[in-house]
PDB file of N, CA and C in Angstrom:
ATOM      1  N   MET A   1      36.009  88.878 -13.596  1.00  0.00           N
ATOM      2  CA  MET A   1      34.225  88.066 -13.642  1.00  0.00           C
ATOM      3  C   MET A   1      33.437  87.639 -12.346  1.00  0.00           C
ATOM      4  N   CYS A   2      32.388  87.370 -12.294  1.00  0.00           N
ATOM      5  CA  CYS A   2      32.109  87.009 -11.033  1.00  0.00           C
ATOM      6  C   CYS A   2      31.515  85.558 -11.624  1.00  0.00           C
ATOM      7  N   LYS A   3      32.092  84.606 -10.578  1.00  0.00           N
ATOM      8  CA  LYS A   3      31.449  83.190 -10.528  1.00  0.00           C
ATOM      9  C   LYS A   3      31.028  82.811  -9.522  1.00  0.00           C
ATOM     10  N   ILE A   4      30.133  81.452  -9.887  1.00  0.00           N
ATOM     11  CA  ILE A   4      29.110  80.966  -8.983  1.00  0.00           C
ATOM     12  C   ILE A   4      29.509  79.724  -9.152  1.00  0.00           C
ATOM     13  N   VAL A   5      29.479  78.960  -7.763  1.00  0.00           N
ATOM     14  CA  VAL A   5      29.955  77.780  -7.319  1.00  0.00           C
ATOM     15  C   VAL A   5      28.467  76.937  -7.299  1.00  0.00           C
ATOM     16  N   PHE A   6      28.384  75.889  -8.006  1.00  0.00           N
ATOM     17  CA  PHE A   6      27.486  75.107  -7.595  1.00  0.00           C
ATOM     18  C   PHE A   6      27.795  73.081  -7.480  1.00  0.00           C
ATOM     19  N   ASP A   7      27.884  72.813  -6.420  1.00  0.00           N
ATOM     20  CA  ASP A   7      28.678  71.375  -6.374  1.00  0.00           C
ATOM     21  C   ASP A   7      30.073  71.371  -6.871  1.00  0.00           C
ATOM     22  N   LYS A   8      30.609  71.894  -6.401  1.00  0.00           N
ATOM     23  CA  LYS A   8      31.513  71.670  -6.820  1.00  0.00           C
ATOM     24  C   LYS A   8      32.363  72.588  -8.444  1.00  0.00           C
ATOM     25  N   THR A   9      31.730  73.095  -9.298  1.00  0.00           N
ATOM     26  CA  THR A   9      31.490  72.819 -10.468  1.00  0.00           C
ATOM     27  C   THR A   9      31.577  74.687 -10.600  1.00  0.00           C
ATOM     28  N   CYS A  10      32.087  75.266 -11.523  1.00  0.00           N
ATOM     29  CA  CYS A  10      32.561  76.519 -11.508  1.00  0.00           C
ATOM     30  C   CYS A  10      31.071  77.202 -12.657  1.00  0.00           C
ATOM     31  N   VAL A  11      30.392  78.101 -12.598  1.00  0.00           N
ATOM     32  CA  VAL A  11      29.566  78.580 -13.693  1.00  0.00           C
ATOM     33  C   VAL A  11      29.994  80.137 -13.664  1.00  0.00           C
ATOM     34  N   SER A  12      30.045  80.651 -14.902  1.00  0.00           N
ATOM     35  CA  SER A  12      30.863  81.923 -14.774  1.00  0.00           C
ATOM     36  C   SER A  12      29.549  82.804 -15.038  1.00  0.00           C
ATOM     37  N   VAL A  13      29.495  83.695 -14.914  1.00  0.00           N
ATOM     38  CA  VAL A  13      28.107  84.596 -15.266  1.00  0.00           C
ATOM     39  C   VAL A  13      29.152  85.595 -16.643  1.00  0.00           C
ATOM     40  N   SER A  14      28.256  85.725 -17.817  1.00  0.00           N
ATOM     41  CA  SER A  14      28.536  86.761 -18.621  1.00  0.00           C
ATOM     42  C   SER A  14      28.738  88.338 -18.334  1.00  0.00           C
ATOM     43  N   LYS A  15      28.305  88.902 -17.565  1.00  0.00           N
ATOM     44  CA  LYS A  15      28.539  90.275 -17.349  1.00  0.00           C
ATOM     45  C   LYS A  15      29.345  90.103 -16.454  1.00  0.00           C
ATOM     46  N   THR A  16      30.219  91.168 -16.395  1.00  0.00           N
ATOM     47  CA  THR A  16      30.710  91.621 -15.161  1.00  0.00           C
ATOM     48  C   THR A  16      30.339  92.837 -14.553  1.00  0.00           C
ATOM     49  N   ASN A  17      31.257  92.784 -13.277  1.00  0.00           N
ATOM     50  CA  ASN A  17      30.685  93.737 -12.745  1.00  0.00           C
ATOM     51  C   ASN A  17      30.701  95.513 -13.734  1.00  0.00           C
ATOM     52  N   SER A  18      32.217  95.556 -14.102  1.00  0.00           N
ATOM     53  CA  SER A  18      32.412  96.877 -14.981  1.00  0.00           C
ATOM     54  C   SER A  18      31.315  97.094 -16.257  1.00  0.00           C
ATOM     55  N   THR A  19      31.125  95.725 -16.613  1.00  0.00           N
ATOM     56  CA  THR A  19      29.834  95.651 -17.643  1.00  0.00           C
ATOM     57  C   THR A  19      28.612  96.480 -16.953  1.00  0.00           C
ATOM     58  N   MET A  20      28.407  95.799 -15.984  1.00  0.00           N
ATOM     59  CA  MET A  20      27.399  96.217 -15.719  1.00  0.00           C
ATOM     60  C   MET A  20      27.171  97.885 -15.157  1.00  0.00           C
ATOM     61  N   LYS A  21      28.555  98.197 -14.640  1.00  0.00           N
ATOM     62  CA  LYS A  21      28.220  99.908 -14.487  1.00  0.00           C
ATOM     63  C   LYS A  21      28.302 100.643 -15.413  1.00  0.00           C
ATOM     64  N   GLU A  22      28.731 100.405 -16.496  1.00  0.00           N
ATOM     65  CA  GLU A  22      29.054 100.900 -17.973  1.00  0.00           C
ATOM     66  C   GLU A  22      27.522 100.873 -18.445  1.00  0.00           C
ATOM     67  N   GLN A  23      26.696  99.836 -18.544  1.00  0.00           N
ATOM     68  CA  GLN A  23      25.270  99.941 -18.578  1.00  0.00           C
ATOM     69  C   GLN A  23      24.221 100.773 -18.008  1.00  0.00           C
ATOM     70  N   GLU A  24      24.902 101.281 -16.686  1.00  0.00           N
ATOM     71  CA  GLU A  24      24.425 101.546 -15.980  1.00  0.00           C
ATOM     72  C   GLU A  24      24.615 103.312 -16.565  1.00  0.00           C
ATOM     73  N   LYS A  25      25.976 103.570 -16.733  1.00  0.00           N
ATOM     74  CA  LYS A  25      26.357 104.761 -16.836  1.00  0.00           C
ATOM     75  C   LYS A  25      25.628 105.411 -18.101  1.00  0.00           C
ATOM     76  N   HIS A  26      25.184 104.294 -19.184  1.00  0.00           N
ATOM     77  CA  HIS A  26      24.803 104.447 -19.784  1.00  0.00           C
ATOM     78  C   HIS A  26      23.319 104.776 -19.903  1.00  0.00           C
ATOM     79  N   GLU A  27      22.692 104.040 -19.229  1.00  0.00           N
ATOM     80  CA  GLU A  27      21.347 104.205 -18.768  1.00  0.00           C
ATOM     81  C   GLU A  27      21.774 105.958 -18.213  1.00  0.00           C
ATOM     82  N   SER A  28      22.163 106.373 -17.606  1.00  0.00           N
ATOM     83  CA  SER A  28      21.923 107.601 -16.814  1.00  0.00           C
ATOM     84  C   SER A  28      22.367 108.595 -17.786  1.00  0.00           C
ATOM     85  N   ARG A  29      23.339 108.807 -18.428  1.00  0.00           N
ATOM     86  CA  ARG A  29      23.382 109.542 -19.371  1.00  0.00           C
ATOM     87  C   ARG A  29      22.374 109.477 -20.513  1.00  0.00           C
ATOM     88  N   ARG A  30      21.542 108.703 -20.749  1.00  0.00           N
ATOM     89  CA  ARG A  30      20.267 108.879 -21.874  1.00  0.00           C
ATOM     90  C   ARG A  30      19.519 109.434 -20.962  1.00  0.00           C
ATOM     91  N   ARG A  31      19.006 109.006 -19.778  1.00  0.00           N
ATOM     92  CA  ARG A  31      17.863 110.121 -19.347  1.00  0.00           C
ATOM     93  C   ARG A  31      18.639 111.696 -18.742  1.00  0.00           C
ATOM     94  N   SER A  32      19.882 111.439 -18.375  1.00  0.00           N
ATOM     95  CA  SER A  32      20.361 112.874 -18.574  1.00  0.00           C
ATOM     96  C   SER A  32      19.742 113.862 -19.619  1.00  0.00           C
ATOM     97  N   ILE A  33      20.185 113.080 -20.940  1.00  0.00           N
ATOM     98  CA  ILE A  33      20.059 113.932 -22.362  1.00  0.00           C
ATOM     99  C   ILE A  33      18.089 114.408 -22.224  1.00  0.00           C
ATOM    100  N   ILE A  34      17.485 113.036 -21.509  1.00  0.00           N
ATOM    101  CA  ILE A  34      16.130 113.378 -21.987  1.00  0.00           C
ATOM    102  C   ILE A  34      16.048 114.205 -21.057  1.00  0.00           C
ATOM    103  N   HIS A  35      16.230 114.069 -19.859  1.00  0.00           N
ATOM    104  CA  HIS A  35      15.330 115.720 -18.998  1.00  0.00           C
ATOM    105  C   HIS A  35      15.730 116.799 -19.750  1.00  0.00           C
ATOM    106  N   GLU A  36      17.197 117.280 -19.592  1.00  0.00           N
ATOM    107  CA  GLU A  36      17.516 118.192 -19.945  1.00  0.00           C
ATOM    108  C   GLU A  36      17.186 118.953 -21.406  1.00  0.00           C
ATOM    109  N   PHE A  37      16.601 117.910 -22.461  1.00  0.00           N
ATOM    110  CA  PHE A  37      15.362 118.240 -23.293  1.00  0.00           C
ATOM    111  C   PHE A  37      14.984 118.576 -22.821  1.00  0.00           C
ATOM    112  N   CYS A  38      13.716 117.869 -21.622  1.00  0.00           N
ATOM    113  CA  CYS A  38      12.254 118.064 -21.790  1.00  0.00           C
ATOM    114  C   CYS A  38      12.373 119.701 -20.381  1.00  0.00           C
ATOM    115  N   LEU A  39      13.272 119.588 -20.026  1.00  0.00           N
ATOM    116  CA  LEU A  39      13.375 121.021 -19.318  1.00  0.00           C
ATOM    117  C   LEU A  39      13.799 122.371 -20.190  1.00  0.00           C
ATOM    118  N   HIS A  40      14.294 122.051 -21.218  1.00  0.00           N
ATOM    119  CA  HIS A  40      14.623 123.501 -22.157  1.00  0.00           C
ATOM    120  C   HIS A  40      14.109 123.106 -23.396  1.00  0.00           C
ATOM    121  N   THR A  41      12.621 122.184 -23.680  1.00  0.00           N
ATOM    122  CA  THR A  41      12.390 122.527 -24.775  1.00  0.00           C
ATOM    123  C   THR A  41      10.896 123.477 -24.887  1.00  0.00           C
ATOM    124  N   PRO A  42      10.678 124.262 -25.802  1.00  0.00           N
ATOM    125  CA  PRO A  42       9.594 125.520 -26.085  1.00  0.00           C
ATOM    126  C   PRO A  42       8.165 124.651 -26.285  1.00  0.00           C
ATOM    127  N   THR A  43       8.127 123.355 -25.742  1.00  0.00           N
ATOM    128  CA  THR A  43       6.586 122.659 -25.480  1.00  0.00           C
ATOM    129  C   THR A  43       6.093 123.084 -24.551  1.00  0.00           C
ATOM    130  N   GLN A  44       5.235 123.726 -24.150  1.00  0.00           N
ATOM    131  CA  GLN A  44       4.103 123.751 -22.665  1.00  0.00           C
ATOM    132  C   GLN A  44       4.661 122.716 -21.479  1.00  0.00           C
ATOM    133  N   ALA A  45       3.931 121.330 -22.071  1.00  0.00           N
ATOM    134  CA  ALA A  45       3.445 120.637 -20.835  1.00  0.00           C
ATOM    135  C   ALA A  45       5.104 119.711 -20.346  1.00  0.00           C
ATOM    136  N   LEU A  46       6.053 119.481 -21.599  1.00  0.00           N
ATOM    137  CA  LEU A  46       7.209 118.843 -20.879  1.00  0.00           C
ATOM    138  C   LEU A  46       8.258 119.133 -19.844  1.00  0.00           C
ATOM    139  N   PRO A  47       8.362 120.359 -19.528  1.00  0.00           N
ATOM    140  CA  PRO A  47       9.306 121.172 -18.680  1.00  0.00           C
ATOM    141  C   PRO A  47       7.994 120.895 -17.244  1.00  0.00           C
ATOM    142  N   GLY A  48       7.208 120.840 -17.644  1.00  0.00           N
ATOM    143  CA  GLY A  48       6.526 120.830 -16.143  1.00  0.00           C
ATOM    144  C   GLY A  48       6.318 119.305 -15.896  1.00  0.00           C
ATOM    145  N   ILE A  49       6.680 118.239 -16.610  1.00  0.00           N
ATOM    146  CA  ILE A  49       6.460 116.857 -16.310  1.00  0.00           C
ATOM    147  C   ILE A  49       8.271 116.564 -16.116  1.00  0.00           C
ATOM    148  N   ALA A  50       9.173 117.062 -16.419  1.00  0.00           N
ATOM    149  CA  ALA A  50      10.409 117.221 -16.426  1.00  0.00           C
ATOM    150  C   ALA A  50      10.684 117.353 -14.616  1.00  0.00           C
ATOM    151  N   ARG A  51      10.216 118.887 -14.431  1.00  0.00           N
ATOM    152  CA  ARG A  51      10.072 119.482 -13.090  1.00  0.00           C
ATOM    153  C   ARG A  51       9.371 118.785 -11.926  1.00  0.00           C
ATOM    154  N   SER A  52       8.425 117.701 -12.503  1.00  0.00           N
ATOM    155  CA  SER A  52       7.500 117.638 -11.164  1.00  0.00           C
ATOM    156  C   SER A  52       7.851 116.406 -10.362  1.00  0.00           C
ATOM    157  N   GLN A  53       8.051 116.101  -8.709  1.00  0.00           N
ATOM    158  CA  GLN A  53       8.345 115.863  -7.852  1.00  0.00           C
ATOM    159  C   GLN A  53       7.350 114.237  -7.687  1.00  0.00           C
ATOM    160  N   SER A  54       6.267 114.551  -7.688  1.00  0.00           N
ATOM    161  CA  SER A  54       5.319 113.357  -7.758  1.00  0.00           C
ATOM    162  C   SER A  54       5.231 112.625  -8.694  1.00  0.00           C
ATOM    163  N   ILE A  55       5.018 111.400  -8.551  1.00  0.00           N
ATOM    164  CA  ILE A  55       4.510 110.563  -9.760  1.00  0.00           C
ATOM    165  C   ILE A  55       3.280 110.732 -10.421  1.00  0.00           C
ATOM    166  N   HIS A  56       2.430 110.946  -9.152  1.00  0.00           N
ATOM    167  CA  HIS A  56       1.366 111.554  -9.570  1.00  0.00           C
ATOM    168  C   HIS A  56       0.676 112.356 -10.904  1.00  0.00           C
ATOM    169  N   ASN A  57       1.458 113.610 -10.526  1.00  0.00           N
ATOM    170  CA  ASN A  57       1.644 114.864 -11.320  1.00  0.00           C
ATOM    171  C   ASN A  57       2.172 114.318 -12.569  1.00  0.00           C
ATOM    172  N   ARG A  58       3.501 113.640 -12.578  1.00  0.00           N
ATOM    173  CA  ARG A  58       3.851 113.150 -13.677  1.00  0.00           C
ATOM    174  C   ARG A  58       2.706 112.603 -14.444  1.00  0.00           C
ATOM    175  N   LEU A  59       2.665 111.479 -13.990  1.00  0.00           N
ATOM    176  CA  LEU A  59       1.424 110.726 -15.004  1.00  0.00           C
ATOM    177  C   LEU A  59       0.541 111.703 -15.241  1.00  0.00           C
ATOM    178  N   PHE A  60      -0.297 112.120 -14.597  1.00  0.00           N
ATOM    179  CA  PHE A  60      -1.498 113.362 -15.113  1.00  0.00           C
ATOM    180  C   PHE A  60      -0.918 114.362 -16.400  1.00  0.00           C
ATOM    181  N   SER A  61       0.681 114.948 -16.385  1.00  0.00           N
ATOM    182  CA  SER A  61       0.536 115.614 -17.257  1.00  0.00           C
ATOM    183  C   SER A  61       0.912 114.748 -18.578  1.00  0.00           C
ATOM    184  N   LEU A  62       1.608 113.779 -18.169  1.00  0.00           N
ATOM    185  CA  LEU A  62       1.942 113.022 -19.213  1.00  0.00           C
ATOM    186  C   LEU A  62       0.908 112.742 -20.468  1.00  0.00           C
ATOM    187  N   ILE A  63      -0.782 111.918 -19.558  1.00  0.00           N
ATOM    188  CA  ILE A  63      -1.633 111.418 -19.809  1.00  0.00           C
ATOM    189  C   ILE A  63      -2.006 112.471 -20.703  1.00  0.00           C
ATOM    190  N   SER A  64      -2.271 113.675 -19.840  1.00  0.00           N
ATOM    191  CA  SER A  64      -3.229 114.853 -20.891  1.00  0.00           C
ATOM    192  C   SER A  64      -2.191 115.458 -21.823  1.00  0.00           C
ATOM    193  N   PHE A  65      -0.853 115.386 -21.797  1.00  0.00           N
ATOM    194  CA  PHE A  65      -0.214 116.136 -22.986  1.00  0.00           C
ATOM    195  C   PHE A  65      -0.715 115.043 -24.103  1.00  0.00           C
ATOM    196  N   ILE A  66      -0.352 113.423 -24.108  1.00  0.00           N
ATOM    197  CA  ILE A  66      -0.539 112.349 -24.721  1.00  0.00           C
ATOM    198  C   ILE A  66      -1.686 112.536 -25.800  1.00  0.00           C
ATOM    199  N   GLY A  67      -3.023 112.335 -24.501  1.00  0.00           N
ATOM    200  CA  GLY A  67      -4.327 112.470 -24.968  1.00  0.00           C
ATOM    201  C   GLY A  67      -4.571 114.168 -25.995  1.00  0.00           C
ATOM    202  N   PHE A  68      -4.237 115.557 -25.582  1.00  0.00           N
ATOM    203  CA  PHE A  68      -3.938 116.560 -26.080  1.00  0.00           C
ATOM    204  C   PHE A  68      -3.737 116.431 -27.841  1.00  0.00           C
ATOM    205  N   THR A  69      -2.327 116.013 -27.251  1.00  0.00           N
ATOM    206  CA  THR A  69      -1.682 115.329 -28.946  1.00  0.00           C
ATOM    207  C   THR A  69      -2.561 115.323 -29.561  1.00  0.00           C
ATOM    208  N   ILE A  70      -2.788 113.809 -29.558  1.00  0.00           N
ATOM    209  CA  ILE A  70      -3.908 113.062 -29.770  1.00  0.00           C
ATOM    210  C   ILE A  70      -4.921 113.905 -30.658  1.00  0.00           C
ATOM    211  N   ILE A  71      -5.851 114.418 -29.563  1.00  0.00           N
ATOM    212  CA  ILE A  71      -6.733 115.279 -30.239  1.00  0.00           C
ATOM    213  C   ILE A  71      -6.516 116.341 -31.439  1.00  0.00           C
ATOM    214  N   MET A  72      -5.059 117.223 -31.041  1.00  0.00           N
ATOM    215  CA  MET A  72      -4.877 118.016 -32.000  1.00  0.00           C
ATOM    216  C   MET A  72      -4.249 117.260 -33.285  1.00  0.00           C
ATOM    217  N   ALA A  73      -3.841 115.764 -33.337  1.00  0.00           N
ATOM    218  CA  ALA A  73      -3.406 115.516 -34.765  1.00  0.00           C
ATOM    219  C   ALA A  73      -4.950 114.753 -35.642  1.00  0.00           C
ATOM    220  N   TYR A  74      -5.660 114.660 -34.825  1.00  0.00           N
ATOM    221  CA  TYR A  74      -7.034 114.378 -35.260  1.00  0.00           C
ATOM    222  C   TYR A  74      -7.701 115.826 -35.873  1.00  0.00           C
ATOM    223  N   VAL A  75      -7.906 116.305 -35.045  1.00  0.00           N
ATOM    224  CA  VAL A  75      -8.249 117.606 -35.478  1.00  0.00           C
ATOM    225  C   VAL A  75      -7.624 118.416 -37.087  1.00  0.00           C
ATOM    226  N   VAL A  76      -6.413 118.333 -36.593  1.00  0.00           N
ATOM    227  CA  VAL A  76      -5.732 118.732 -38.211  1.00  0.00           C
ATOM    228  C   VAL A  76      -5.799 117.932 -39.466  1.00  0.00           C
ATOM    229  N   SER A  77      -5.880 116.538 -39.120  1.00  0.00           N
ATOM    230  CA  SER A  77      -6.083 115.719 -40.610  1.00  0.00           C
ATOM    231  C   SER A  77      -7.314 116.145 -40.587  1.00  0.00           C
ATOM    232  N   THR A  78      -8.531 116.196 -40.050  1.00  0.00           N
ATOM    233  CA  THR A  78      -9.453 116.132 -40.422  1.00  0.00           C
ATOM    234  C   THR A  78     -10.164 117.617 -41.211  1.00  0.00           C
ATOM    235  N   THR A  79      -9.382 118.529 -40.332  1.00  0.00           N
ATOM    236  CA  THR A  79      -9.616 119.848 -41.518  1.00  0.00           C
ATOM    237  C   THR A  79      -8.981 119.678 -42.416  1.00  0.00           C
ATOM    238  N   VAL A  80      -7.476 119.130 -42.827  1.00  0.00           N
ATOM    239  CA  VAL A  80      -6.955 119.446 -43.985  1.00  0.00           C
ATOM    240  C   VAL A  80      -7.674 118.263 -44.685  1.00  0.00           C
ATOM    241  N   LEU A  81      -7.774 117.357 -44.595  1.00  0.00           N
ATOM    242  CA  LEU A  81      -9.026 116.286 -45.672  1.00  0.00           C
ATOM    243  C   LEU A  81     -10.419 117.291 -45.841  1.00  0.00           C
ATOM    244  N   ALA A  82     -10.739 117.744 -44.933  1.00  0.00           N
ATOM    245  CA  ALA A  82     -12.264 118.784 -45.443  1.00  0.00           C
ATOM    246  C   ALA A  82     -11.735 119.534 -46.479  1.00  0.00           C
ATOM    247  N   TYR A  83      -9.981 120.328 -46.361  1.00  0.00           N
ATOM    248  CA  TYR A  83     -10.186 121.640 -47.087  1.00  0.00           C
ATOM    249  C   TYR A  83      -9.670 120.711 -48.784  1.00  0.00           C
ATOM    250  N   PHE A  84      -9.239 119.730 -48.942  1.00  0.00           N
ATOM    251  CA  PHE A  84      -9.150 118.676 -49.827  1.00  0.00           C
ATOM    252  C   PHE A  84      -9.636 118.296 -50.402  1.00  0.00           C
ATOM    253  N   GLU A  85     -11.355 118.250 -49.943  1.00  0.00           N
ATOM    254  CA  GLU A  85     -12.723 117.417 -50.520  1.00  0.00           C
ATOM    255  C   GLU A  85     -13.715 118.717 -50.845  1.00  0.00           C
ATOM    256  N   TYR A  86     -13.085 120.114 -50.538  1.00  0.00           N
ATOM    257  CA  TYR A  86     -13.906 120.897 -50.922  1.00  0.00           C
ATOM    258  C   TYR A  86     -14.253 121.220 -52.651  1.00  0.00           C
ATOM    259  N   PRO A  87     -15.328 121.315 -52.539  1.00  0.00           N
ATOM    260  CA  PRO A  87     -15.509 120.994 -54.710  1.00  0.00           C
ATOM    261  C   PRO A  87     -15.475 122.637 -54.821  1.00  0.00           C
ATOM    262  N   THR A  88     -14.664 122.268 -56.251  1.00  0.00           N
ATOM    263  CA  THR A  88     -13.816 123.521 -56.480  1.00  0.00           C
ATOM    264  C   THR A  88     -14.494 123.842 -58.448  1.00  0.00           C
ATOM    265  N   GLN A  89     -14.562 124.649 -58.732  1.00  0.00           N
ATOM    266  CA  GLN A  89     -15.234 124.321 -59.911  1.00  0.00           C
ATOM    267  C   GLN A  89     -14.669 125.800 -60.682  1.00  0.00           C
ATOM    268  N   ILE A  90     -14.222 125.168 -61.486  1.00  0.00           N
ATOM    269  CA  ILE A  90     -13.449 126.435 -62.610  1.00  0.00           C
ATOM    270  C   ILE A  90     -13.741 126.394 -63.770  1.00  0.00           C
ATOM    271  N   ASP A  91     -14.181 127.115 -64.639  1.00  0.00           N
ATOM    272  CA  ASP A  91     -14.795 127.357 -65.798  1.00  0.00           C
ATOM    273  C   ASP A  91     -13.696 128.533 -66.505  1.00  0.00           C
ATOM    274  N   ILE A  92     -12.941 128.250 -67.203  1.00  0.00           N
ATOM    275  CA  ILE A  92     -12.166 129.068 -68.152  1.00  0.00           C
ATOM    276  C   ILE A  92     -12.506 129.426 -69.603  1.00  0.00           C
ATOM    277  N   ASN A  93     -12.900 130.352 -69.912  1.00  0.00           N
ATOM    278  CA  ASN A  93     -13.105 130.653 -71.689  1.00  0.00           C
ATOM    279  C   ASN A  93     -12.439 131.382 -72.164  1.00  0.00           C
ATOM    280  N   TYR A  94     -11.843 131.610 -73.048  1.00  0.00           N
ATOM    281  CA  TYR A  94     -10.840 131.912 -73.881  1.00  0.00           C
ATOM    282  C   TYR A  94     -11.594 132.596 -74.898  1.00  0.00           C
ATOM    283  N   ALA A  95     -11.561 133.902 -75.055  1.00  0.00           N
ATOM    284  CA  ALA A  95     -12.317 134.533 -76.362  1.00  0.00           C
ATOM    285  C   ALA A  95     -11.521 135.715 -76.469  1.00  0.00           C
ATOM    286  N   SER A  96     -10.672 135.517 -78.041  1.00  0.00           N
ATOM    287  CA  SER A  96     -10.075 136.643 -78.800  1.00  0.00           C
ATOM    288  C   SER A  96     -10.848 137.377 -79.616  1.00  0.00           C
ATOM    289  N   GLU A  97     -10.752 138.540 -79.399  1.00  0.00           N
ATOM    290  CA  GLU A  97     -11.622 139.443 -79.693  1.00  0.00           C
ATOM    291  C   GLU A  97     -11.009 139.803 -81.535  1.00  0.00           C
ATOM    292  N   ARG A  98      -9.724 141.017 -80.992  1.00  0.00           N
ATOM    293  CA  ARG A  98      -9.101 140.968 -82.249  1.00  0.00           C
ATOM    294  C   ARG A  98      -7.410 140.443 -81.895  1.00  0.00           C
ATOM    295  N   PRO A  99      -7.044 140.511 -83.331  1.00  0.00           N
ATOM    296  CA  PRO A  99      -5.553 140.248 -82.991  1.00  0.00           C
ATOM    297  C   PRO A  99      -4.483 141.443 -82.800  1.00  0.00           C
ATOM    298  N   GLN A 100      -3.773 141.609 -81.585  1.00  0.00           N
ATOM    299  CA  GLN A 100      -3.057 142.979 -80.904  1.00  0.00           C
ATOM    300  C   GLN A 100      -1.407 142.248 -81.287  1.00  0.00           C
ATOM    301  N   TYR A 101      -1.191 143.170 -81.882  1.00  0.00           N
ATOM    302  CA  TYR A 101       0.334 142.883 -82.496  1.00  0.00           C
ATOM    303  C   TYR A 101       1.599 143.328 -81.171  1.00  0.00           C
ATOM    304  N   PHE A 102       2.180 142.753 -81.908  1.00  0.00           N
ATOM    305  CA  PHE A 102       3.483 143.264 -80.805  1.00  0.00           C
ATOM    306  C   PHE A 102       3.796 144.647 -81.044  1.00  0.00           C
ATOM    307  N   PRO A 103       4.456 145.310 -80.396  1.00  0.00           N
ATOM    308  CA  PRO A 103       5.067 146.824 -81.510  1.00  0.00           C
ATOM    309  C   PRO A 103       5.994 146.259 -81.850  1.00  0.00           C
ATOM    310  N   ALA A 104       6.201 146.985 -83.101  1.00  0.00           N
ATOM    311  CA  ALA A 104       7.277 146.748 -83.697  1.00  0.00           C
ATOM    312  C   ALA A 104       8.721 147.683 -83.493  1.00  0.00           C
ATOM    313  N   PHE A 105       8.408 148.743 -82.655  1.00  0.00           N
ATOM    314  CA  PHE A 105       9.530 149.069 -82.174  1.00  0.00           C
ATOM    315  C   PHE A 105       9.083 149.987 -80.668  1.00  0.00           C
ATOM    316  N   THR A 106      10.023 149.514 -79.795  1.00  0.00           N
ATOM    317  CA  THR A 106      10.355 149.545 -78.541  1.00  0.00           C
ATOM    318  C   THR A 106      11.009 150.432 -77.334  1.00  0.00           C
ATOM    319  N   LEU A 107      10.822 151.624 -77.024  1.00  0.00           N
ATOM    320  CA  LEU A 107      12.091 152.648 -76.436  1.00  0.00           C
ATOM    321  C   LEU A 107      12.473 151.876 -75.071  1.00  0.00           C
ATOM    322  N   CYS A 108      13.257 151.719 -75.294  1.00  0.00           N
ATOM    323  CA  CYS A 108      13.862 151.375 -73.869  1.00  0.00           C
ATOM    324  C   CYS A 108      14.955 152.171 -73.632  1.00  0.00           C
ATOM    325  N   ASN A 109      15.079 153.161 -72.004  1.00  0.00           N
ATOM    326  CA  ASN A 109      15.377 154.114 -71.554  1.00  0.00           C
ATOM    327  C   ASN A 109      16.615 153.092 -71.072  1.00  0.00           C
ATOM    328  N   ALA A 110      17.967 152.806 -71.169  1.00  0.00           N
ATOM    329  CA  ALA A 110      18.882 152.257 -70.649  1.00  0.00           C
ATOM    330  C   ALA A 110      20.008 152.906 -70.201  1.00  0.00           C
ATOM    331  N   SER A 111      20.158 154.549 -71.035  1.00  0.00           N
ATOM    332  CA  SER A 111      20.884 155.430 -70.555  1.00  0.00           C
ATOM    333  C   SER A 111      21.324 155.684 -68.869  1.00  0.00           C
ATOM    334  N   PRO A 112      23.086 155.563 -68.891  1.00  0.00           N
ATOM    335  CA  PRO A 112      23.483 155.621 -67.730  1.00  0.00           C
ATOM    336  C   PRO A 112      23.650 156.697 -67.183  1.00  0.00           C
ATOM    337  N   LEU A 113      22.929 157.631 -68.359  1.00  0.00           N
ATOM    338  CA  LEU A 113      22.740 159.340 -67.133  1.00  0.00           C
ATOM    339  C   LEU A 113      21.459 159.484 -66.946  1.00  0.00           C
ATOM    340  N   ARG A 114      21.646 160.153 -65.802  1.00  0.00           N
ATOM    341  CA  ARG A 114      20.782 160.117 -65.106  1.00  0.00           C
ATOM    342  C   ARG A 114      20.321 162.153 -65.257  1.00  0.00           C
ATOM    343  N   PHE A 115      18.702 162.560 -65.648  1.00  0.00           N
ATOM    344  CA  PHE A 115      18.887 163.781 -65.360  1.00  0.00           C
ATOM    345  C   PHE A 115      18.459 164.416 -64.859  1.00  0.00           C
ATOM    346  N   ASP A 116      17.773 163.574 -63.638  1.00  0.00           N
ATOM    347  CA  ASP A 116      17.109 164.433 -62.414  1.00  0.00           C
ATOM    348  C   ASP A 116      18.169 164.608 -61.310  1.00  0.00           C
ATOM    349  N   LYS A 117      19.809 164.603 -61.426  1.00  0.00           N
ATOM    350  CA  LYS A 117      20.470 165.340 -61.042  1.00  0.00           C
ATOM    351  C   LYS A 117      21.330 165.724 -61.558  1.00  0.00           C
ATOM    352  N   ASN A 118      21.518 167.232 -61.010  1.00  0.00           N
ATOM    353  CA  ASN A 118      22.341 168.176 -62.003  1.00  0.00           C
ATOM    354  C   ASN A 118      23.186 168.885 -60.459  1.00  0.00           C
TER     355      ASN A 118
END
């Protein structure tokens, strides 16, 4: 445990070096997982963002990706709303001209014998 001395009194710091190292390890694991996901995703912009070396290129690609994603979501939502607002007119008329009776006798050929193969 790390200790700091002020005027001959000991004050202990809550985080030790080992817990700080563990936090850094978890943080690097998270970054590694996100980086690997971005490199291998089929989304077009994310591999370019993950591979870019310059912060300017990375920011430009990220801002472009987010902007175009927002534009796409807007266009898709307006298209879906326009589809559901399209007026439809349904006119169903049922006219029974004459009664049609179900046949009293039905011939069903469920025979296992086939006459086409001799």
